[in-house]
Amino acid sequence: MFKSCLRPVISGAMLGLMLAFPQRSVSAALHGLSIFAESVLPSLFPFTVFLMLMTAGRSFPPSVLLGLSLLGGSPTGARLWSDAALPPPLSRCIARVTGTMSPMFFLGTLGNWLGQAKAAQLLLFCHLFSALILALPLCKALRGTRIQLPYLPVSAILQQSALAMLTVAGCMMLGSVGARLIACLFPHLPALPLAMLQSLAEVSAGCKSLIAAQPLCLLPLLCFFTSFSGLSILLQNAAFWGKKHITLKQLLFYGFLRGGITFLICFAILLCLPGGFAV
């Protein structure tokens, strides 16, 4: 009963907040759409098209597809693996890994925000290392095998890639609106917990707020939230993993699992190298 009521209750609350703060909601949606149009679409759409052109109708070792997933980030990895014919246990194992973010986000965006390339490189290392830890069962289960991807004509690849971009744009707008409404709902909340709540909804804006708050454990916290990847990105992945019957609830659990492992890895490195990654 509780589960069946949860979605309409949350949706109704968000609708009420949008009516209470209409201008801020529209502004947040436009902000999310502008980030998508200016920063995501120009790189993600051609990358997705060329990746599908390269892989459609061919078979690859699991390690190659895993590398392409980590290179493309979300939702490219989910899109790539969702076409593969795999049993449910292996699909769930792969879904743990495909919630990662693009290396360009760490080295470019976060590097600029932090003002230190070494710190961004540490975040990327922890991010990828935690994903590889979760991928170990996959590598053992698929050792010596090849993954066959279905053939698609060029027209279908273009169409599916364009539809995927619409899904990404919609999820980014929802995440941006959700993050802004959280700020409206808790106007007197201190900067750090507000930034953490925003990071759970939309990771890019949330991480920027987190950096501005300058908490003591800034880098481990950034590791956690980037590996969790935010509700906006998890919704993008859920759009592709749905055909494998993997739910958003499962993806949320995998996100928290990745985030916890990455947080611990980063914290351990900072304990061993104090002062080496000051920001």
Protein backbone atom coordinates (compact mmCIF):
# COMPACT_ATOMS: atom_id res chain seq x y z
CA MET A 1 0.00 0.00 0.00
CA PHE A 2 2.78 2.42 0.97
CA LYS A 3 4.73 1.73 -2.23
CA SER A 4 1.66 2.20 -4.42
CA CYS A 5 0.99 5.62 -2.83
CA LEU A 6 4.58 6.86 -2.81
CA ARG A 7 4.82 7.92 -6.46
CA PRO A 8 1.53 9.88 -6.63
CA VAL A 9 2.31 11.55 -3.28
CA ILE A 10 5.76 12.69 -4.41
CA SER A 11 4.44 13.75 -7.83
CA GLY A 12 1.59 15.67 -6.23
CA ALA A 13 4.02 17.42 -3.88
CA MET A 14 6.23 18.45 -6.81
CA LEU A 15 3.20 19.76 -8.73
CA GLY A 16 2.19 21.79 -5.70
CA LEU A 17 5.69 23.26 -5.39
CA MET A 18 5.72 24.13 -9.10
CA LEU A 19 2.43 26.02 -8.66
CA ALA A 20 3.80 27.74 -5.57
CA PHE A 21 7.05 28.75 -7.32
CA PRO A 22 6.13 28.95 -11.03
CA GLN A 23 8.79 31.43 -12.15
CA ARG A 24 11.60 29.57 -10.41
CA SER A 25 10.37 26.27 -11.85
CA VAL A 26 10.37 27.60 -15.40
CA SER A 27 13.76 29.24 -14.87
CA ALA A 28 15.20 25.95 -13.57
CA ALA A 29 13.76 24.02 -16.53
CA LEU A 30 15.29 26.50 -18.97
CA HIS A 31 18.60 26.27 -17.12
CA GLY A 32 18.62 22.47 -17.40
CA LEU A 33 17.68 22.68 -21.08
CA SER A 34 20.41 25.23 -21.79
CA ILE A 35 23.04 23.03 -20.13
CA PHE A 36 21.85 20.12 -22.26
CA ALA A 37 21.88 22.15 -25.49
CA GLU A 38 25.24 23.82 -24.86
CA SER A 39 27.27 21.16 -23.06
CA VAL A 40 25.67 17.72 -23.46
CA LEU A 41 24.03 17.48 -26.88
CA PRO A 42 27.03 18.62 -28.99
CA SER A 43 29.22 15.82 -27.63
CA LEU A 44 26.75 13.12 -26.55
CA PHE A 45 24.70 12.87 -29.75
CA PRO A 46 27.59 12.35 -32.21
CA PHE A 47 29.36 10.08 -29.71
CA THR A 48 26.23 7.93 -29.39
CA VAL A 49 25.71 7.76 -33.15
CA PHE A 50 29.30 6.81 -33.94
CA LEU A 51 29.39 4.29 -31.09
CA MET A 52 26.24 2.58 -32.38
CA LEU A 53 27.56 2.63 -35.94
CA MET A 54 30.77 0.99 -34.74
CA THR A 55 29.14 -1.68 -32.56
CA ALA A 56 25.80 -2.56 -34.24
CA GLY A 57 25.77 -6.09 -35.66
CA ARG A 58 29.18 -6.97 -34.24
CA SER A 59 30.44 -9.05 -31.34
CA PHE A 60 32.95 -7.86 -28.75
CA PRO A 61 34.73 -9.18 -25.68
CA PRO A 62 32.99 -7.95 -22.51
CA SER A 63 36.09 -5.96 -21.54
CA VAL A 64 35.84 -3.87 -24.73
CA LEU A 65 32.16 -3.04 -24.17
CA LEU A 66 32.92 -2.25 -20.54
CA GLY A 67 35.66 0.16 -21.61
CA LEU A 68 33.34 1.86 -24.09
CA SER A 69 30.69 2.17 -21.37
CA LEU A 70 33.10 3.85 -18.97
CA LEU A 71 34.39 6.13 -21.72
CA GLY A 72 30.92 7.25 -22.76
CA GLY A 73 29.43 7.56 -19.29
CA SER A 74 25.68 7.77 -18.78
CA PRO A 75 23.38 6.98 -20.48
CA THR A 76 25.67 5.74 -23.28
CA GLY A 77 26.73 2.66 -21.32
CA ALA A 78 23.15 1.69 -20.51
CA ARG A 79 22.15 2.20 -24.16
CA LEU A 80 25.02 0.02 -25.35
CA TRP A 81 24.43 -2.93 -23.02
CA SER A 82 20.63 -2.85 -23.13
CA ASP A 83 20.71 -4.26 -26.68
CA ALA A 84 22.86 -7.25 -25.70
CA ALA A 85 21.23 -10.65 -25.20
CA LEU A 86 22.13 -11.42 -21.59
CA PRO A 87 20.41 -13.36 -18.78
CA PRO A 88 18.87 -11.22 -15.99
CA PRO A 89 21.61 -11.85 -13.37
CA LEU A 90 24.30 -10.57 -15.73
CA SER A 91 22.15 -7.62 -16.79
CA ARG A 92 21.83 -6.60 -13.15
CA CYS A 93 25.58 -6.92 -12.69
CA ILE A 94 26.23 -4.69 -15.71
CA ALA A 95 23.66 -2.14 -14.55
CA ARG A 96 25.78 -1.57 -11.43
CA VAL A 97 28.58 -0.29 -13.64
CA THR A 98 26.75 1.73 -16.30
CA GLY A 99 25.72 4.55 -13.96
CA THR A 100 29.16 6.13 -14.30
CA MET A 101 29.79 9.65 -15.57
CA SER A 102 31.96 10.70 -18.49
CA PRO A 103 35.67 11.32 -17.82
CA MET A 104 35.22 14.69 -19.53
CA PHE A 105 32.93 15.80 -16.68
CA PHE A 106 35.70 15.16 -14.16
CA LEU A 107 38.69 16.44 -16.10
CA GLY A 108 36.88 19.38 -17.70
CA THR A 109 33.93 20.58 -15.65
CA LEU A 110 34.98 19.53 -12.12
CA GLY A 111 38.61 20.39 -12.83
CA ASN A 112 37.60 23.96 -13.69
CA TRP A 113 35.29 24.30 -10.70
CA LEU A 114 37.91 22.95 -8.27
CA GLY A 115 40.76 24.90 -9.87
CA GLN A 116 43.06 21.91 -9.47
CA ALA A 117 43.67 19.23 -12.08
CA LYS A 118 45.15 16.74 -9.59
CA ALA A 119 41.98 16.76 -7.50
CA ALA A 120 39.86 16.13 -10.60
CA GLN A 121 42.14 13.25 -11.60
CA LEU A 122 41.79 11.74 -8.12
CA LEU A 123 37.99 11.92 -8.40
CA LEU A 124 38.08 10.22 -11.79
CA PHE A 125 40.42 7.48 -10.55
CA CYS A 126 38.19 6.69 -7.56
CA HIS A 127 35.10 6.79 -9.79
CA LEU A 128 36.47 4.32 -12.32
CA PHE A 129 38.14 2.10 -9.71
CA SER A 130 34.86 1.57 -7.85
CA ALA A 131 33.14 0.70 -11.14
CA LEU A 132 35.84 -1.85 -11.93
CA ILE A 133 35.43 -3.42 -8.48
CA LEU A 134 31.73 -3.90 -9.17
CA ALA A 135 32.57 -5.26 -12.64
CA LEU A 136 34.76 -8.10 -11.32
CA PRO A 137 31.89 -10.62 -11.08
CA LEU A 138 30.93 -9.69 -14.64
CA CYS A 139 34.45 -10.29 -15.94
CA LYS A 140 34.57 -13.72 -14.30
CA ALA A 141 31.12 -14.75 -15.54
CA LEU A 142 31.80 -13.68 -19.15
CA ARG A 143 35.44 -14.77 -19.40
CA GLY A 144 36.23 -16.11 -22.85
CA THR A 145 32.86 -15.08 -24.31
CA ARG A 146 31.83 -12.42 -26.82
CA ILE A 147 28.79 -10.16 -26.69
CA GLN A 148 26.72 -10.00 -29.89
CA LEU A 149 24.90 -6.73 -30.54
CA PRO A 150 21.98 -6.60 -32.99
CA TYR A 151 22.37 -5.03 -36.42
CA LEU A 152 20.66 -1.67 -37.02
CA PRO A 153 20.47 0.33 -40.26
CA VAL A 154 21.84 3.87 -40.24
CA SER A 155 18.34 5.39 -40.28
CA ALA A 156 17.34 3.43 -37.17
CA ILE A 157 20.56 4.43 -35.39
CA LEU A 158 19.91 8.11 -36.09
CA GLN A 159 16.30 7.84 -34.99
CA GLN A 160 17.07 5.95 -31.79
CA SER A 161 19.93 8.31 -30.94
CA ALA A 162 17.69 11.36 -31.43
CA LEU A 163 14.98 9.84 -29.21
CA ALA A 164 17.62 9.05 -26.61
CA MET A 165 18.68 12.72 -26.63
CA LEU A 166 15.08 13.78 -25.96
CA THR A 167 15.02 11.43 -22.97
CA VAL A 168 18.27 12.92 -21.67
CA ALA A 169 16.97 16.47 -22.13
CA GLY A 170 13.74 15.67 -20.29
CA CYS A 171 15.55 14.03 -17.37
CA MET A 172 17.98 16.95 -17.07
CA MET A 173 15.08 19.41 -16.99
CA LEU A 174 13.31 17.37 -14.30
CA GLY A 175 16.50 17.13 -12.26
CA SER A 176 17.13 20.86 -12.54
CA VAL A 177 13.55 21.69 -11.51
CA GLY A 178 13.72 19.21 -8.62
CA ALA A 179 16.97 20.71 -7.33
CA ARG A 180 15.57 24.26 -7.53
CA LEU A 181 12.34 23.29 -5.76
CA ILE A 182 14.35 21.67 -2.96
CA ALA A 183 16.07 25.03 -2.45
CA CYS A 184 12.66 26.76 -2.43
CA LEU A 185 11.23 24.24 0.02
CA PHE A 186 14.09 24.72 2.50
CA PRO A 187 15.06 28.40 2.16
CA HIS A 188 16.77 28.51 5.56
CA LEU A 189 18.63 25.22 5.24
CA PRO A 190 22.42 25.60 5.63
CA ALA A 191 24.47 25.56 2.44
CA LEU A 192 26.04 22.11 2.92
CA PRO A 193 22.90 19.97 3.50
CA LEU A 194 21.11 21.92 0.75
CA ALA A 195 23.97 21.19 -1.68
CA MET A 196 23.85 17.51 -0.73
CA LEU A 197 20.09 17.35 -1.37
CA GLN A 198 20.57 19.09 -4.71
CA SER A 199 23.33 16.62 -5.64
CA LEU A 200 20.95 13.72 -5.07
CA ALA A 201 18.50 15.29 -7.55
CA GLU A 202 20.86 16.72 -10.21
CA VAL A 203 24.55 16.03 -9.85
CA SER A 204 26.08 18.87 -11.92
CA ALA A 205 24.39 21.80 -10.17
CA GLY A 206 24.62 19.97 -6.84
CA CYS A 207 28.38 19.44 -7.11
CA LYS A 208 28.87 23.09 -8.01
CA SER A 209 26.95 24.09 -4.86
CA LEU A 210 28.93 21.54 -2.86
CA ILE A 211 32.23 23.05 -4.00
CA ALA A 212 30.97 26.51 -3.07
CA ALA A 213 30.07 25.24 0.44
CA GLN A 214 33.67 23.97 0.94
CA PRO A 215 33.01 21.17 3.49
CA LEU A 216 35.91 19.44 5.24
CA CYS A 217 35.41 16.18 3.31
CA LEU A 218 34.83 17.90 -0.04
CA LEU A 219 36.61 15.39 -2.31
CA PRO A 220 35.10 12.23 -0.71
CA LEU A 221 31.66 13.85 -0.87
CA LEU A 222 32.16 14.72 -4.53
CA CYS A 223 33.21 11.11 -5.09
CA PHE A 224 30.03 9.85 -3.46
CA PHE A 225 27.62 12.07 -5.36
CA THR A 226 29.27 11.69 -8.77
CA SER A 227 29.26 7.91 -8.39
CA PHE A 228 25.65 7.99 -7.20
CA SER A 229 25.18 10.16 -10.33
CA GLY A 230 21.94 11.84 -9.25
CA LEU A 231 18.30 11.03 -9.88
CA SER A 232 18.37 12.83 -13.25
CA ILE A 233 21.03 10.50 -14.68
CA LEU A 234 19.52 7.40 -13.06
CA LEU A 235 16.23 8.21 -14.81
CA GLN A 236 18.11 8.34 -18.11
CA ASN A 237 19.60 4.91 -17.45
CA ALA A 238 16.25 3.53 -16.34
CA ALA A 239 14.78 4.45 -19.73
CA PHE A 240 17.14 1.94 -21.36
CA TRP A 241 17.36 -0.71 -18.65
CA GLY A 242 13.58 -0.95 -18.47
CA LYS A 243 13.57 -3.41 -21.37
CA LYS A 244 15.71 -5.71 -19.17
CA HIS A 245 13.21 -5.35 -16.31
CA ILE A 246 15.69 -3.44 -14.15
CA THR A 247 13.81 -0.85 -12.12
CA LEU A 248 14.69 2.64 -10.98
CA LYS A 249 14.66 1.32 -7.41
CA GLN A 250 17.44 -1.14 -8.29
CA LEU A 251 19.43 1.59 -10.05
CA LEU A 252 19.11 3.80 -6.97
CA PHE A 253 20.52 0.98 -4.84
CA TYR A 254 23.41 0.48 -7.29
CA GLY A 255 24.07 4.22 -7.24
CA PHE A 256 24.34 4.31 -3.45
CA LEU A 257 26.57 1.22 -3.59
CA ARG A 258 28.93 2.87 -6.10
CA GLY A 259 28.90 6.07 -4.10
CA GLY A 260 29.76 4.33 -0.83
CA ILE A 261 32.67 2.41 -2.36
CA THR A 262 34.04 5.51 -4.09
CA PHE A 263 33.76 7.58 -0.90
CA LEU A 264 35.79 4.99 1.04
CA ILE A 265 38.45 4.74 -1.68
CA CYS A 266 38.90 8.51 -1.82
CA PHE A 267 38.93 8.84 1.98
CA ALA A 268 41.60 6.13 2.26
CA ILE A 269 43.79 7.81 -0.37
CA LEU A 270 43.51 11.18 1.38
CA LEU A 271 44.49 9.55 4.69
CA CYS A 272 47.59 8.07 3.06
CA LEU A 273 48.46 11.29 1.20
CA PRO A 274 47.39 14.19 3.44
CA GLY A 275 47.79 17.55 1.73
CA GLY A 276 48.45 16.01 -1.66
CA PHE A 277 45.11 17.06 -3.12
CA ALA A 278 44.28 20.29 -1.29
CA VAL A 279 41.60 22.45 -2.93
